[in-house]
Amino acid sequence: MTPTRFESVTPDPIAYLDRLAASDLGRAYKERMLAELGVRPGHTVVDLGCGPGTDLGALAEAATATGRVIGVDRDQAAVDTARTRSADRPTVTVRLGDVHDLPLADGTAERARTDRVLQHVADPARALREARRVLRPGGRLVMGEPDWQTLTVDHPDGDLSLAYTGYVTGRVVRNARIGSRLPRLAEEAGFDVTAVVPVTPVFRDARAADAILGLERTTRRAVADGHFTEEAARRWLDHLAVGPFLASVVFYVVVAEVRPQPAPQ
C-alpha cells in the first residue's frame, strides 16, 4: 500500500487516551459528562474503566476534600499510571478490577461514570448491572459512548465510505452500536434514563481525524482481512490525504439514575 501522511503504527494505549483527552472532541464531551454527573462536595464517585487516570483529578476537585474518588481499571499499566498521576490527591484511590465484577461493596457511591469503555467490554449489560449495584439510592451514572454506525467519512466513491464504516462496525469495535443502545440497556439494568445528549464532532482536517480515528491503521487492517483490496485502499487513502476532508461520528452522553425501589406492601 502506498504510504500516506497518516499514522500507520498503533500508538501506545495510554498515549492514545491522553491524545484523545487533549483534543477538541475530548475536552468537549468530558466537560459535558462532568456537568451531567453533578458531583457535589462529599460525594463518593467511581470512574469505571478509569484508564491512566485522565479524569480523576477533575472528579476529586468536584467532590472536594470531603469526598472520595475511586478509579477502577483492569489494565495493570493503566492502574499504575493512574496511581502515579493521582499520588498527590489523598481522596483518590485506584483499584485493579473488572467492570463486570467490581471490587466494591453494594451502595458504595453517589455517582459513577464510564467513558468509552462499554464499546469494548464482553458484556455491557452485566457491566451496567454492576454499576447499578455499587450506586446508592438516588445515585447517578453518566456514560459516554460513540455509535460507530453513524461514522461518516466523505469520499467520491460512496461505496468505499460505506465499506469502511461497515468494517469498523463489523470487525474493529466489539460493541460498535453501544452509543445508541445505552438508554435501553440502562433501563433494563434498573436505571431511569433522564437525558440523552448527542455530541457530534465534525473533522475538517484529515490529520486531526486520523489522530482519533486511525484512518490508515484501520484501512491496513481491512486490507489484511480481505475487506479492502490494495487498489481500493490506495484510492481511499489517496483522496483522504489530499482532501477536501470531512468526517463525523455521533457520541452519546447518557445520564441514568437508580430507579427507586417500590415501597414494601
Protein backbone atom coordinates (compact mmCIF):
# COMPACT_ATOMS: atom_id res chain seq x y z
CA MET A 1 0.00 0.00 0.00
CA THR A 2 1.31 3.45 -0.88
CA PRO A 3 2.28 5.31 2.32
CA THR A 4 0.32 8.45 3.16
CA ARG A 5 0.73 11.26 5.65
CA PHE A 6 -1.40 9.32 8.14
CA GLU A 7 -0.29 7.35 11.20
CA SER A 8 0.46 3.72 10.32
CA VAL A 9 1.71 2.40 13.69
CA THR A 10 -0.73 1.75 16.50
CA PRO A 11 0.06 4.21 19.31
CA ASP A 12 0.68 3.19 22.89
CA PRO A 13 -2.77 2.86 24.56
CA ILE A 14 -2.02 5.38 27.30
CA ALA A 15 -0.56 7.86 24.83
CA TYR A 16 -3.66 7.49 22.68
CA LEU A 17 -6.00 8.14 25.60
CA ASP A 18 -4.00 11.22 26.54
CA ARG A 19 -4.18 12.41 22.92
CA LEU A 20 -7.95 11.99 22.78
CA ALA A 21 -8.46 13.78 26.09
CA ALA A 22 -6.44 16.76 24.83
CA SER A 23 -8.37 17.01 21.56
CA ASP A 24 -11.27 19.41 20.96
CA LEU A 25 -13.62 16.41 20.96
CA GLY A 26 -12.22 15.04 24.20
CA ARG A 27 -12.45 18.33 26.04
CA ALA A 28 -15.99 18.98 24.81
CA TYR A 29 -17.59 15.69 25.74
CA LYS A 30 -15.68 15.27 29.01
CA GLU A 31 -16.83 18.70 30.17
CA ARG A 32 -20.40 17.76 29.30
CA MET A 33 -20.12 14.45 31.15
CA LEU A 34 -18.76 16.18 34.25
CA ALA A 35 -21.57 18.72 34.18
CA GLU A 36 -24.20 16.00 33.81
CA LEU A 37 -22.65 13.96 36.61
CA GLY A 38 -23.40 16.74 39.09
CA VAL A 39 -20.78 15.76 41.65
CA ARG A 40 -21.22 17.58 44.96
CA PRO A 41 -18.87 18.02 47.91
CA GLY A 42 -18.79 14.85 49.99
CA HIS A 43 -19.83 12.52 47.17
CA THR A 44 -18.12 9.24 46.50
CA VAL A 45 -17.52 8.91 42.76
CA VAL A 46 -16.47 5.79 40.86
CA ASP A 47 -14.72 6.04 37.49
CA LEU A 48 -15.37 2.69 35.81
CA GLY A 49 -12.53 1.94 33.42
CA CYS A 50 -10.51 4.94 34.56
CA GLY A 51 -7.56 4.21 32.26
CA PRO A 52 -4.46 6.26 33.12
CA GLY A 53 -6.47 8.50 35.45
CA THR A 54 -7.29 11.23 32.96
CA ASP A 55 -10.46 12.33 34.75
CA LEU A 56 -9.70 11.51 38.36
CA GLY A 57 -8.37 14.97 39.17
CA ALA A 58 -11.47 16.79 37.90
CA LEU A 59 -13.69 14.37 39.83
CA ALA A 60 -11.66 14.89 43.01
CA GLU A 61 -11.92 18.65 42.70
CA ALA A 62 -15.70 18.41 42.32
CA ALA A 63 -16.07 16.06 45.30
CA THR A 64 -13.67 18.24 47.36
CA ALA A 65 -11.62 17.06 50.33
CA THR A 66 -14.78 15.73 51.99
CA GLY A 67 -15.50 13.30 49.14
CA ARG A 68 -13.82 10.28 47.66
CA VAL A 69 -12.94 9.17 44.13
CA ILE A 70 -12.33 5.54 43.20
CA GLY A 71 -10.86 4.60 39.84
CA VAL A 72 -11.19 1.03 38.60
CA ASP A 73 -9.43 -0.47 35.59
CA ARG A 74 -8.50 -3.98 34.50
CA ASP A 75 -5.17 -2.99 32.91
CA GLN A 76 -2.23 -3.00 35.32
CA ALA A 77 -0.20 -0.46 33.33
CA ALA A 78 -3.15 1.95 33.31
CA VAL A 79 -3.70 1.44 37.04
CA ASP A 80 -0.03 2.09 37.77
CA THR A 81 -0.09 5.28 35.70
CA ALA A 82 -3.32 6.47 37.32
CA ARG A 83 -1.86 5.88 40.77
CA THR A 84 1.25 7.84 39.90
CA ARG A 85 -0.73 10.73 38.43
CA SER A 86 -3.02 10.96 41.46
CA ALA A 87 -0.39 10.37 44.12
CA ASP A 88 -0.77 13.93 45.41
CA ARG A 89 -4.55 13.56 45.81
CA PRO A 90 -5.30 11.76 49.12
CA THR A 91 -9.01 11.40 48.30
CA VAL A 92 -8.29 9.34 45.16
CA THR A 93 -7.72 5.59 45.14
CA VAL A 94 -7.22 3.39 42.09
CA ARG A 95 -8.04 -0.32 42.10
CA LEU A 96 -7.31 -3.13 39.70
CA GLY A 97 -10.63 -4.68 38.74
CA ASP A 98 -13.11 -5.65 36.04
CA VAL A 99 -16.26 -3.63 35.33
CA HIS A 100 -18.13 -6.95 35.06
CA ASP A 101 -17.25 -7.75 38.69
CA LEU A 102 -16.39 -4.56 40.51
CA PRO A 103 -14.22 -4.80 43.66
CA LEU A 104 -16.68 -2.57 45.52
CA ALA A 105 -19.44 -3.15 48.04
CA ASP A 106 -23.11 -2.57 47.31
CA GLY A 107 -24.14 1.07 47.61
CA THR A 108 -20.59 2.43 47.65
CA ALA A 109 -21.11 5.64 45.66
CA GLU A 110 -23.45 8.50 44.83
CA ARG A 111 -22.00 8.96 41.35
CA ALA A 112 -20.38 6.77 38.70
CA ARG A 113 -19.13 7.33 35.18
CA THR A 114 -17.88 5.26 32.30
CA ASP A 115 -16.15 6.81 29.31
CA ARG A 116 -15.71 4.88 26.03
CA VAL A 117 -15.36 1.62 27.95
CA LEU A 118 -18.60 -0.23 27.20
CA GLN A 119 -17.86 -0.35 23.47
CA HIS A 120 -15.02 -2.76 24.29
CA VAL A 121 -16.31 -4.98 27.11
CA ALA A 122 -17.57 -8.54 26.72
CA ASP A 123 -20.97 -7.93 28.36
CA PRO A 124 -22.19 -4.29 28.58
CA ALA A 125 -25.45 -5.34 30.25
CA ARG A 126 -23.59 -7.05 33.08
CA ALA A 127 -21.31 -4.03 33.49
CA LEU A 128 -24.35 -1.79 33.82
CA ARG A 129 -25.88 -4.09 36.44
CA GLU A 130 -22.63 -3.84 38.38
CA ALA A 131 -22.73 -0.05 38.15
CA ARG A 132 -26.30 -0.17 39.44
CA ARG A 133 -25.23 -2.39 42.33
CA VAL A 134 -22.49 -0.08 43.60
CA LEU A 135 -24.63 3.07 43.44
CA ARG A 136 -26.71 4.21 46.39
CA PRO A 137 -30.43 5.06 46.16
CA GLY A 138 -30.71 8.24 44.09
CA GLY A 139 -27.28 7.62 42.58
CA ARG A 140 -26.41 8.73 39.08
CA LEU A 141 -24.42 7.10 36.28
CA VAL A 142 -23.15 9.08 33.29
CA MET A 143 -21.90 7.18 30.25
CA GLY A 144 -20.19 8.39 27.11
CA GLU A 145 -20.00 6.16 24.04
CA PRO A 146 -19.93 6.54 20.24
CA ASP A 147 -22.25 4.81 17.81
CA TRP A 148 -19.84 3.76 15.08
CA GLN A 149 -22.69 3.03 12.67
CA THR A 150 -23.01 6.81 12.38
CA LEU A 151 -19.38 7.18 11.25
CA THR A 152 -19.23 9.18 8.02
CA VAL A 153 -16.01 9.71 6.11
CA ASP A 154 -16.69 11.57 2.88
CA HIS A 155 -15.22 10.15 -0.33
CA PRO A 156 -16.15 10.50 -4.01
CA ASP A 157 -16.76 6.74 -4.05
CA GLY A 158 -19.65 6.37 -1.64
CA ASP A 159 -19.35 2.59 -1.67
CA LEU A 160 -15.87 2.87 -0.19
CA SER A 161 -17.21 5.07 2.60
CA LEU A 162 -19.93 2.52 3.37
CA ALA A 163 -17.42 -0.32 3.24
CA TYR A 164 -15.08 1.46 5.64
CA THR A 165 -17.85 2.12 8.17
CA GLY A 166 -19.04 -1.45 7.76
CA TYR A 167 -15.58 -2.75 8.56
CA VAL A 168 -15.31 -0.58 11.68
CA THR A 169 -18.69 -1.71 12.98
CA GLY A 170 -18.33 -5.33 11.96
CA ARG A 171 -14.70 -6.14 12.71
CA VAL A 172 -12.91 -3.40 14.65
CA VAL A 173 -15.14 -2.36 17.57
CA ARG A 174 -16.70 -5.11 19.67
CA ASN A 175 -19.90 -3.23 20.62
CA ALA A 176 -19.97 -0.73 17.78
CA ARG A 177 -23.62 0.37 18.25
CA ILE A 178 -23.38 0.79 22.02
CA GLY A 179 -23.92 4.58 21.98
CA SER A 180 -27.49 4.41 20.70
CA ARG A 181 -28.25 1.24 22.67
CA LEU A 182 -27.21 2.63 26.05
CA PRO A 183 -30.63 4.04 27.01
CA ARG A 184 -32.33 0.68 26.51
CA LEU A 185 -29.57 -1.28 28.26
CA ALA A 186 -29.57 1.14 31.19
CA GLU A 187 -33.34 0.87 31.61
CA GLU A 188 -33.07 -2.92 31.55
CA ALA A 189 -30.36 -2.76 34.23
CA GLY A 190 -32.66 -0.89 36.61
CA PHE A 191 -31.93 2.75 35.82
CA ASP A 192 -34.19 5.58 34.77
CA VAL A 193 -32.63 7.41 31.84
CA THR A 194 -33.07 11.14 32.39
CA ALA A 195 -31.09 12.57 29.47
CA VAL A 196 -29.51 11.54 26.18
CA VAL A 197 -27.15 14.16 24.78
CA PRO A 198 -25.65 13.73 21.30
CA VAL A 199 -22.20 15.21 20.77
CA THR A 200 -21.29 15.23 17.09
CA PRO A 201 -17.74 16.27 16.24
CA VAL A 202 -17.08 17.23 12.63
CA PHE A 203 -13.49 16.82 11.46
CA ARG A 204 -12.41 19.01 8.55
CA ASP A 205 -8.70 18.31 8.95
CA ALA A 206 -7.58 14.85 7.89
CA ARG A 207 -4.63 14.70 10.26
CA ALA A 208 -6.76 15.65 13.25
CA ALA A 209 -9.30 12.99 12.29
CA ASP A 210 -6.59 10.37 11.80
CA ALA A 211 -5.19 11.05 15.28
CA ILE A 212 -8.55 10.00 16.74
CA LEU A 213 -9.94 7.58 14.14
CA GLY A 214 -6.76 5.86 12.93
CA LEU A 215 -7.75 6.06 9.27
CA GLU A 216 -4.71 4.39 7.77
CA ARG A 217 -4.23 1.88 10.55
CA THR A 218 -7.82 0.73 10.18
CA THR A 219 -7.54 0.62 6.40
CA ARG A 220 -4.43 -1.55 6.64
CA ARG A 221 -6.33 -3.96 8.88
CA ALA A 222 -9.17 -4.03 6.36
CA VAL A 223 -6.73 -4.99 3.59
CA ALA A 224 -5.16 -7.71 5.75
CA ASP A 225 -8.65 -9.10 6.48
CA GLY A 226 -9.62 -9.09 2.82
CA HIS A 227 -12.27 -6.40 3.32
CA PHE A 228 -10.49 -3.89 1.06
CA THR A 229 -8.35 -4.62 -1.97
CA GLU A 230 -4.97 -2.92 -2.19
CA GLU A 231 -6.29 -0.82 -5.06
CA ALA A 232 -9.40 0.25 -3.15
CA ALA A 233 -7.31 1.12 -0.10
CA ARG A 234 -4.98 3.21 -2.23
CA ARG A 235 -7.88 5.16 -3.78
CA TRP A 236 -9.46 5.59 -0.36
CA LEU A 237 -6.38 6.92 1.41
CA ASP A 238 -5.05 8.96 -1.51
CA HIS A 239 -8.21 11.04 -1.62
CA LEU A 240 -8.43 11.42 2.16
CA ALA A 241 -4.85 12.67 2.21
CA VAL A 242 -5.44 15.49 -0.27
CA GLY A 243 -8.99 16.47 0.62
CA PRO A 244 -11.30 18.30 0.88
CA PHE A 245 -11.97 16.27 4.02
CA LEU A 246 -14.98 15.68 6.27
CA ALA A 247 -15.65 13.00 8.85
CA SER A 248 -18.07 12.77 11.76
CA VAL A 249 -19.47 10.30 14.27
CA VAL A 250 -22.20 10.69 16.89
CA PHE A 251 -21.05 10.38 20.50
CA TYR A 252 -23.81 9.89 23.08
CA VAL A 253 -23.72 11.11 26.67
CA VAL A 254 -26.38 9.18 28.58
CA VAL A 255 -27.50 10.12 32.09
CA ALA A 256 -29.16 7.43 34.20
CA GLU A 257 -30.35 7.39 37.79
CA VAL A 258 -31.01 4.50 40.13
CA ARG A 259 -34.65 3.55 39.85
CA PRO A 260 -36.43 3.89 43.21
CA GLN A 261 -37.33 0.59 44.81
CA PRO A 262 -41.06 0.01 45.32
CA ALA A 263 -42.22 0.53 48.88
CA PRO A 264 -42.97 -2.69 50.76
CA GLN A 265 -46.65 -3.59 50.83
